[in-house]
């Protein structure tokens, strides 16, 4: 059954339904599961609303998969210890889209959308399917440019996908998903999360790496 929230139609296709089922199964952690699921749905809706306001046409299926998979790398089922959590989710989305018949370019754009969603500004210079995820994430997590969304639309989205205690819950989800791979946070905003929760965490310093590397002077 087609679902419309704040004027945005949620894709009701086999691919979208499969994406929803996969994410629901992966976010079964009782502590953060519902938080990540509702957050991901809101990211899709916020991103589509802001894209629409900017006159940007976005493939809704690709936007949906990008939004729904963007935090999969924080879940027990999809996270690794060898790379950034964003890349875990991006890899999962790429494989999923190729398996469902989407082209290499389409899958790669969604890969970029997820891999870059914590990298400010750059996604907005790429394909619309890349930027839409960042728009949604910046709205839901950082509260950026909330004035660009009407109060009625904000209410409709939050009624459909509530955000109780969201700030604390999403920070907890970030920490749980990255605590065992601290080196993956170098050069990203993610090290702020580890520093907040773990007083023993020591950030790598870009200047120290340059000054102390093996090249002779």
C-alpha atoms as a PDB file:
ATOM      1  CA  UNK A   1       0.000   0.000   0.000  1.00  0.00           C
ATOM      2  CA  UNK A   2       1.421   3.379  -1.003  1.00  0.00           C
ATOM      3  CA  UNK A   3       2.369   5.604   1.929  1.00  0.00           C
ATOM      4  CA  UNK A   4       2.620   9.371   1.684  1.00  0.00           C
ATOM      5  CA  UNK A   5       4.103  11.451   4.497  1.00  0.00           C
ATOM      6  CA  UNK A   6       4.390  15.253   4.348  1.00  0.00           C
ATOM      7  CA  UNK A   7       3.629  15.049   0.638  1.00  0.00           C
ATOM      8  CA  UNK A   8       6.488  12.616  -0.017  1.00  0.00           C
ATOM      9  CA  UNK A   9       5.547   9.203  -1.373  1.00  0.00           C
ATOM     10  CA  UNK A  10       7.542   6.351   0.109  1.00  0.00           C
ATOM     11  CA  UNK A  11       8.458   3.968  -2.741  1.00  0.00           C
ATOM     12  CA  UNK A  12       6.254   0.872  -2.740  1.00  0.00           C
ATOM     13  CA  UNK A  13       8.298  -1.335  -5.040  1.00  0.00           C
ATOM     14  CA  UNK A  14       9.847  -4.738  -4.628  1.00  0.00           C
ATOM     15  CA  UNK A  15      13.266  -3.145  -4.191  1.00  0.00           C
ATOM     16  CA  UNK A  16      12.026  -0.684  -1.554  1.00  0.00           C
ATOM     17  CA  UNK A  17      10.150  -3.373   0.343  1.00  0.00           C
ATOM     18  CA  UNK A  18      13.244  -5.576   0.320  1.00  0.00           C
ATOM     19  CA  UNK A  19      15.324  -2.677   1.616  1.00  0.00           C
ATOM     20  CA  UNK A  20      12.847  -2.047   4.423  1.00  0.00           C
ATOM     21  CA  UNK A  21      12.826  -5.724   5.413  1.00  0.00           C
ATOM     22  CA  UNK A  22      16.623  -5.920   5.392  1.00  0.00           C
ATOM     23  CA  UNK A  23      17.015  -2.829   7.554  1.00  0.00           C
ATOM     24  CA  UNK A  24      14.311  -3.946   9.986  1.00  0.00           C
ATOM     25  CA  UNK A  25      16.089  -7.281  10.414  1.00  0.00           C
ATOM     26  CA  UNK A  26      19.476  -5.607  10.917  1.00  0.00           C
ATOM     27  CA  UNK A  27      18.225  -3.049  13.436  1.00  0.00           C
ATOM     28  CA  UNK A  28      16.844  -5.567  15.895  1.00  0.00           C
ATOM     29  CA  UNK A  29      19.036  -4.398  18.788  1.00  0.00           C
ATOM     30  CA  UNK A  30      16.516  -3.481  21.506  1.00  0.00           C
ATOM     31  CA  UNK A  31      18.653  -0.535  22.620  1.00  0.00           C
ATOM     32  CA  UNK A  32      19.132   1.256  19.317  1.00  0.00           C
ATOM     33  CA  UNK A  33      17.210  -0.716  16.679  1.00  0.00           C
ATOM     34  CA  UNK A  34      14.043   1.340  16.509  1.00  0.00           C
ATOM     35  CA  UNK A  35      16.112   4.511  16.814  1.00  0.00           C
ATOM     36  CA  UNK A  36      18.117   3.664  13.687  1.00  0.00           C
ATOM     37  CA  UNK A  37      15.085   2.489  11.723  1.00  0.00           C
ATOM     38  CA  UNK A  38      12.986   5.586  12.381  1.00  0.00           C
ATOM     39  CA  UNK A  39      16.023   7.814  11.907  1.00  0.00           C
ATOM     40  CA  UNK A  40      16.698   6.284   8.495  1.00  0.00           C
ATOM     41  CA  UNK A  41      13.114   6.764   7.377  1.00  0.00           C
ATOM     42  CA  UNK A  42      13.207  10.385   8.528  1.00  0.00           C
ATOM     43  CA  UNK A  43      16.458  10.913   6.634  1.00  0.00           C
ATOM     44  CA  UNK A  44      14.687   9.834   3.439  1.00  0.00           C
ATOM     45  CA  UNK A  45      11.757  12.157   4.071  1.00  0.00           C
ATOM     46  CA  UNK A  46      13.840  15.183   5.092  1.00  0.00           C
ATOM     47  CA  UNK A  47      16.177  14.678   2.161  1.00  0.00           C
ATOM     48  CA  UNK A  48      13.338  14.432  -0.332  1.00  0.00           C
ATOM     49  CA  UNK A  49      11.579  17.467   1.146  1.00  0.00           C
ATOM     50  CA  UNK A  50      14.703  19.597   0.919  1.00  0.00           C
ATOM     51  CA  UNK A  51      15.539  18.332  -2.570  1.00  0.00           C
ATOM     52  CA  UNK A  52      12.014  19.133  -3.694  1.00  0.00           C
ATOM     53  CA  UNK A  53      12.256  22.649  -2.254  1.00  0.00           C
ATOM     54  CA  UNK A  54      15.464  23.152  -4.216  1.00  0.00           C
ATOM     55  CA  UNK A  55      13.902  21.911  -7.449  1.00  0.00           C
ATOM     56  CA  UNK A  56      16.204  18.886  -7.521  1.00  0.00           C
ATOM     57  CA  UNK A  57      14.814  15.688  -9.042  1.00  0.00           C
ATOM     58  CA  UNK A  58      15.933  12.564  -7.230  1.00  0.00           C
ATOM     59  CA  UNK A  59      15.303   8.905  -8.031  1.00  0.00           C
ATOM     60  CA  UNK A  60      13.086   7.978  -5.044  1.00  0.00           C
ATOM     61  CA  UNK A  61      14.163   4.326  -4.936  1.00  0.00           C
ATOM     62  CA  UNK A  62      17.843   5.215  -4.855  1.00  0.00           C
ATOM     63  CA  UNK A  63      17.222   7.938  -2.286  1.00  0.00           C
ATOM     64  CA  UNK A  64      15.315   5.429  -0.163  1.00  0.00           C
ATOM     65  CA  UNK A  65      18.049   2.815  -0.256  1.00  0.00           C
ATOM     66  CA  UNK A  66      20.690   5.440   0.500  1.00  0.00           C
ATOM     67  CA  UNK A  67      18.760   6.688   3.505  1.00  0.00           C
ATOM     68  CA  UNK A  68      17.795   3.256   4.809  1.00  0.00           C
ATOM     69  CA  UNK A  69      21.305   1.799   4.493  1.00  0.00           C
ATOM     70  CA  UNK A  70      23.302   4.829   5.600  1.00  0.00           C
ATOM     71  CA  UNK A  71      23.771   3.671   9.213  1.00  0.00           C
ATOM     72  CA  UNK A  72      23.795  -0.097   8.625  1.00  0.00           C
ATOM     73  CA  UNK A  73      27.514  -0.072   9.386  1.00  0.00           C
ATOM     74  CA  UNK A  74      26.647   0.646  13.013  1.00  0.00           C
ATOM     75  CA  UNK A  75      24.646  -2.567  13.373  1.00  0.00           C
ATOM     76  CA  UNK A  76      26.042  -5.873  14.616  1.00  0.00           C
ATOM     77  CA  UNK A  77      25.103  -7.620  11.386  1.00  0.00           C
ATOM     78  CA  UNK A  78      26.902  -5.272   9.002  1.00  0.00           C
ATOM     79  CA  UNK A  79      29.684  -3.607  10.915  1.00  0.00           C
ATOM     80  CA  UNK A  80      33.323  -4.583  10.537  1.00  0.00           C
ATOM     81  CA  UNK A  81      36.428  -3.606  12.477  1.00  0.00           C
ATOM     82  CA  UNK A  82      38.593  -2.818   9.471  1.00  0.00           C
ATOM     83  CA  UNK A  83      36.980   0.262   7.917  1.00  0.00           C
ATOM     84  CA  UNK A  84      34.738   3.255   8.592  1.00  0.00           C
ATOM     85  CA  UNK A  85      31.134   2.469   9.442  1.00  0.00           C
ATOM     86  CA  UNK A  86      30.025   4.591   6.503  1.00  0.00           C
ATOM     87  CA  UNK A  87      31.880   2.280   4.116  1.00  0.00           C
ATOM     88  CA  UNK A  88      30.273  -0.792   5.677  1.00  0.00           C
ATOM     89  CA  UNK A  89      26.835   0.591   4.873  1.00  0.00           C
ATOM     90  CA  UNK A  90      27.917   1.787   1.444  1.00  0.00           C
ATOM     91  CA  UNK A  91      29.253  -1.651   0.527  1.00  0.00           C
ATOM     92  CA  UNK A  92      26.009  -3.286   1.645  1.00  0.00           C
ATOM     93  CA  UNK A  93      23.906  -0.867  -0.409  1.00  0.00           C
ATOM     94  CA  UNK A  94      26.051  -1.294  -3.501  1.00  0.00           C
ATOM     95  CA  UNK A  95      25.716  -5.075  -3.424  1.00  0.00           C
ATOM     96  CA  UNK A  96      21.999  -4.867  -2.696  1.00  0.00           C
ATOM     97  CA  UNK A  97      21.309  -2.565  -5.642  1.00  0.00           C
ATOM     98  CA  UNK A  98      23.368  -4.603  -8.086  1.00  0.00           C
ATOM     99  CA  UNK A  99      21.572  -7.766  -6.981  1.00  0.00           C
ATOM    100  CA  UNK A 100      18.259  -6.006  -7.652  1.00  0.00           C
ATOM    101  CA  UNK A 101      19.186  -5.008 -11.181  1.00  0.00           C
ATOM    102  CA  UNK A 102      20.294  -1.431 -10.711  1.00  0.00           C
ATOM    103  CA  UNK A 103      23.171  -0.194 -12.864  1.00  0.00           C
ATOM    104  CA  UNK A 104      26.789   0.212 -11.828  1.00  0.00           C
ATOM    105  CA  UNK A 105      26.434   4.007 -11.938  1.00  0.00           C
ATOM    106  CA  UNK A 106      23.271   3.996  -9.825  1.00  0.00           C
ATOM    107  CA  UNK A 107      24.795   1.664  -7.249  1.00  0.00           C
ATOM    108  CA  UNK A 108      27.998   3.702  -7.182  1.00  0.00           C
ATOM    109  CA  UNK A 109      26.085   6.930  -6.569  1.00  0.00           C
ATOM    110  CA  UNK A 110      24.334   5.363  -3.587  1.00  0.00           C
ATOM    111  CA  UNK A 111      27.692   4.037  -2.385  1.00  0.00           C
ATOM    112  CA  UNK A 112      29.008   7.602  -2.495  1.00  0.00           C
ATOM    113  CA  UNK A 113      25.885   8.941  -0.763  1.00  0.00           C
ATOM    114  CA  UNK A 114      26.466   6.672   2.208  1.00  0.00           C
ATOM    115  CA  UNK A 115      30.262   6.757   2.294  1.00  0.00           C
ATOM    116  CA  UNK A 116      30.251  10.575   2.259  1.00  0.00           C
ATOM    117  CA  UNK A 117      27.266  11.316   4.466  1.00  0.00           C
ATOM    118  CA  UNK A 118      29.508  12.477   7.331  1.00  0.00           C
ATOM    119  CA  UNK A 119      31.672  14.570   4.995  1.00  0.00           C
ATOM    120  CA  UNK A 120      30.134  18.057   4.776  1.00  0.00           C
ATOM    121  CA  UNK A 121      29.653  19.954   1.510  1.00  0.00           C
ATOM    122  CA  UNK A 122      31.213  17.522  -0.997  1.00  0.00           C
ATOM    123  CA  UNK A 123      28.036  15.409  -1.545  1.00  0.00           C
ATOM    124  CA  UNK A 124      26.142  18.504  -2.676  1.00  0.00           C
ATOM    125  CA  UNK A 125      28.476  18.808  -5.674  1.00  0.00           C
ATOM    126  CA  UNK A 126      27.741  15.274  -6.853  1.00  0.00           C
ATOM    127  CA  UNK A 127      24.659  13.504  -8.226  1.00  0.00           C
ATOM    128  CA  UNK A 128      21.285  14.308  -6.601  1.00  0.00           C
ATOM    129  CA  UNK A 129      21.130  10.753  -5.217  1.00  0.00           C
ATOM    130  CA  UNK A 130      24.360  11.491  -3.340  1.00  0.00           C
ATOM    131  CA  UNK A 131      23.342  14.837  -1.900  1.00  0.00           C
ATOM    132  CA  UNK A 132      19.854  13.766  -0.796  1.00  0.00           C
ATOM    133  CA  UNK A 133      21.212  11.545   1.985  1.00  0.00           C
ATOM    134  CA  UNK A 134      23.429  14.283   3.374  1.00  0.00           C
ATOM    135  CA  UNK A 135      20.511  16.726   3.345  1.00  0.00           C
ATOM    136  CA  UNK A 136      18.452  14.257   5.346  1.00  0.00           C
ATOM    137  CA  UNK A 137      21.198  13.407   7.818  1.00  0.00           C
ATOM    138  CA  UNK A 138      22.112  17.033   8.469  1.00  0.00           C
ATOM    139  CA  UNK A 139      18.457  17.782   9.142  1.00  0.00           C
ATOM    140  CA  UNK A 140      17.755  14.879  11.474  1.00  0.00           C
ATOM    141  CA  UNK A 141      21.030  14.691  13.410  1.00  0.00           C
ATOM    142  CA  UNK A 142      22.378  18.244  13.328  1.00  0.00           C
ATOM    143  CA  UNK A 143      19.135  20.193  12.979  1.00  0.00           C
ATOM    144  CA  UNK A 144      20.545  22.261  10.126  1.00  0.00           C
ATOM    145  CA  UNK A 145      18.200  24.569   8.226  1.00  0.00           C
ATOM    146  CA  UNK A 146      15.065  23.339   9.962  1.00  0.00           C
ATOM    147  CA  UNK A 147      13.401  26.573   8.915  1.00  0.00           C
ATOM    148  CA  UNK A 148      13.378  25.267   5.339  1.00  0.00           C
ATOM    149  CA  UNK A 149      10.755  22.683   6.311  1.00  0.00           C
ATOM    150  CA  UNK A 150       7.261  23.806   7.279  1.00  0.00           C
ATOM    151  CA  UNK A 151       5.969  23.121  10.769  1.00  0.00           C
ATOM    152  CA  UNK A 152       3.193  20.990   9.275  1.00  0.00           C
ATOM    153  CA  UNK A 153       5.682  18.816   7.398  1.00  0.00           C
ATOM    154  CA  UNK A 154       7.924  18.471  10.449  1.00  0.00           C
ATOM    155  CA  UNK A 155       4.937  17.383  12.505  1.00  0.00           C
ATOM    156  CA  UNK A 156       3.802  14.865   9.881  1.00  0.00           C
ATOM    157  CA  UNK A 157       7.237  13.247   9.644  1.00  0.00           C
ATOM    158  CA  UNK A 158       7.787  13.048  13.399  1.00  0.00           C
ATOM    159  CA  UNK A 159       4.296  11.670  13.973  1.00  0.00           C
ATOM    160  CA  UNK A 160       5.026   8.892  11.478  1.00  0.00           C
ATOM    161  CA  UNK A 161       8.544   8.284  12.798  1.00  0.00           C
ATOM    162  CA  UNK A 162       8.929   9.576  16.352  1.00  0.00           C
ATOM    163  CA  UNK A 163      12.243  10.670  17.800  1.00  0.00           C
ATOM    164  CA  UNK A 164      11.975  10.227  21.590  1.00  0.00           C
ATOM    165  CA  UNK A 165      15.330  10.692  23.326  1.00  0.00           C
ATOM    166  CA  UNK A 166      16.879  10.701  19.867  1.00  0.00           C
ATOM    167  CA  UNK A 167      19.958  12.817  20.586  1.00  0.00           C
ATOM    168  CA  UNK A 168      21.148  10.492  23.341  1.00  0.00           C
ATOM    169  CA  UNK A 169      20.163   7.331  21.487  1.00  0.00           C
ATOM    170  CA  UNK A 170      21.930   8.217  18.236  1.00  0.00           C
ATOM    171  CA  UNK A 171      25.117   9.168  20.070  1.00  0.00           C
ATOM    172  CA  UNK A 172      24.969   5.809  21.856  1.00  0.00           C
ATOM    173  CA  UNK A 173      24.479   4.033  18.520  1.00  0.00           C
ATOM    174  CA  UNK A 174      27.466   5.869  17.043  1.00  0.00           C
ATOM    175  CA  UNK A 175      29.676   4.923  19.969  1.00  0.00           C
ATOM    176  CA  UNK A 176      28.613   1.273  20.022  1.00  0.00           C
ATOM    177  CA  UNK A 177      29.277   1.021  16.295  1.00  0.00           C
ATOM    178  CA  UNK A 178      32.751   2.575  16.399  1.00  0.00           C
ATOM    179  CA  UNK A 179      34.245   1.776  19.798  1.00  0.00           C
ATOM    180  CA  UNK A 180      36.110  -1.291  18.551  1.00  0.00           C
ATOM    181  CA  UNK A 181      37.604   0.501  15.503  1.00  0.00           C
ATOM    182  CA  UNK A 182      38.837   3.828  16.874  1.00  0.00           C
ATOM    183  CA  UNK A 183      41.467   4.288  14.163  1.00  0.00           C
ATOM    184  CA  UNK A 184      38.693   4.459  11.554  1.00  0.00           C
ATOM    185  CA  UNK A 185      37.572   7.807  12.965  1.00  0.00           C
ATOM    186  CA  UNK A 186      40.779   9.652  12.064  1.00  0.00           C
ATOM    187  CA  UNK A 187      40.064  12.667   9.885  1.00  0.00           C
ATOM    188  CA  UNK A 188      36.324  12.566  10.535  1.00  0.00           C
ATOM    189  CA  UNK A 189      33.858  14.082  12.959  1.00  0.00           C
ATOM    190  CA  UNK A 190      33.348  10.616  14.407  1.00  0.00           C
ATOM    191  CA  UNK A 191      36.301  10.983  16.752  1.00  0.00           C
ATOM    192  CA  UNK A 192      34.209  13.561  18.638  1.00  0.00           C
ATOM    193  CA  UNK A 193      31.873  10.724  19.641  1.00  0.00           C
ATOM    194  CA  UNK A 194      34.654   8.475  20.936  1.00  0.00           C
ATOM    195  CA  UNK A 195      36.219  11.371  22.852  1.00  0.00           C
ATOM    196  CA  UNK A 196      32.840  12.102  24.464  1.00  0.00           C
ATOM    197  CA  UNK A 197      32.260   8.567  25.729  1.00  0.00           C
ATOM    198  CA  UNK A 198      35.829   7.344  26.369  1.00  0.00           C
ATOM    199  CA  UNK A 199      38.173   9.628  28.274  1.00  0.00           C
ATOM    200  CA  UNK A 200      41.077   7.297  27.399  1.00  0.00           C
ATOM    201  CA  UNK A 201      40.601   7.834  23.672  1.00  0.00           C
ATOM    202  CA  UNK A 202      43.474   9.731  22.087  1.00  0.00           C
ATOM    203  CA  UNK A 203      42.847  11.422  18.759  1.00  0.00           C
ATOM    204  CA  UNK A 204      45.420  11.105  16.014  1.00  0.00           C
ATOM    205  CA  UNK A 205      46.780  14.530  15.099  1.00  0.00           C
ATOM    206  CA  UNK A 206      47.264  15.389  11.418  1.00  0.00           C
ATOM    207  CA  UNK A 207      50.094  17.829  12.130  1.00  0.00           C
ATOM    208  CA  UNK A 208      51.938  15.319  14.334  1.00  0.00           C
ATOM    209  CA  UNK A 209      51.683  12.695  11.586  1.00  0.00           C
ATOM    210  CA  UNK A 210      53.199  15.071   9.043  1.00  0.00           C
ATOM    211  CA  UNK A 211      55.970  16.237  11.342  1.00  0.00           C
ATOM    212  CA  UNK A 212      56.826  12.795  12.677  1.00  0.00           C
ATOM    213  CA  UNK A 213      56.669  10.665   9.539  1.00  0.00           C
ATOM    214  CA  UNK A 214      59.617   8.726   8.091  1.00  0.00           C
ATOM    215  CA  UNK A 215      60.565  11.203   5.367  1.00  0.00           C
ATOM    216  CA  UNK A 216      63.929  12.836   6.141  1.00  0.00           C
ATOM    217  CA  UNK A 217      64.150  16.622   6.236  1.00  0.00           C
END
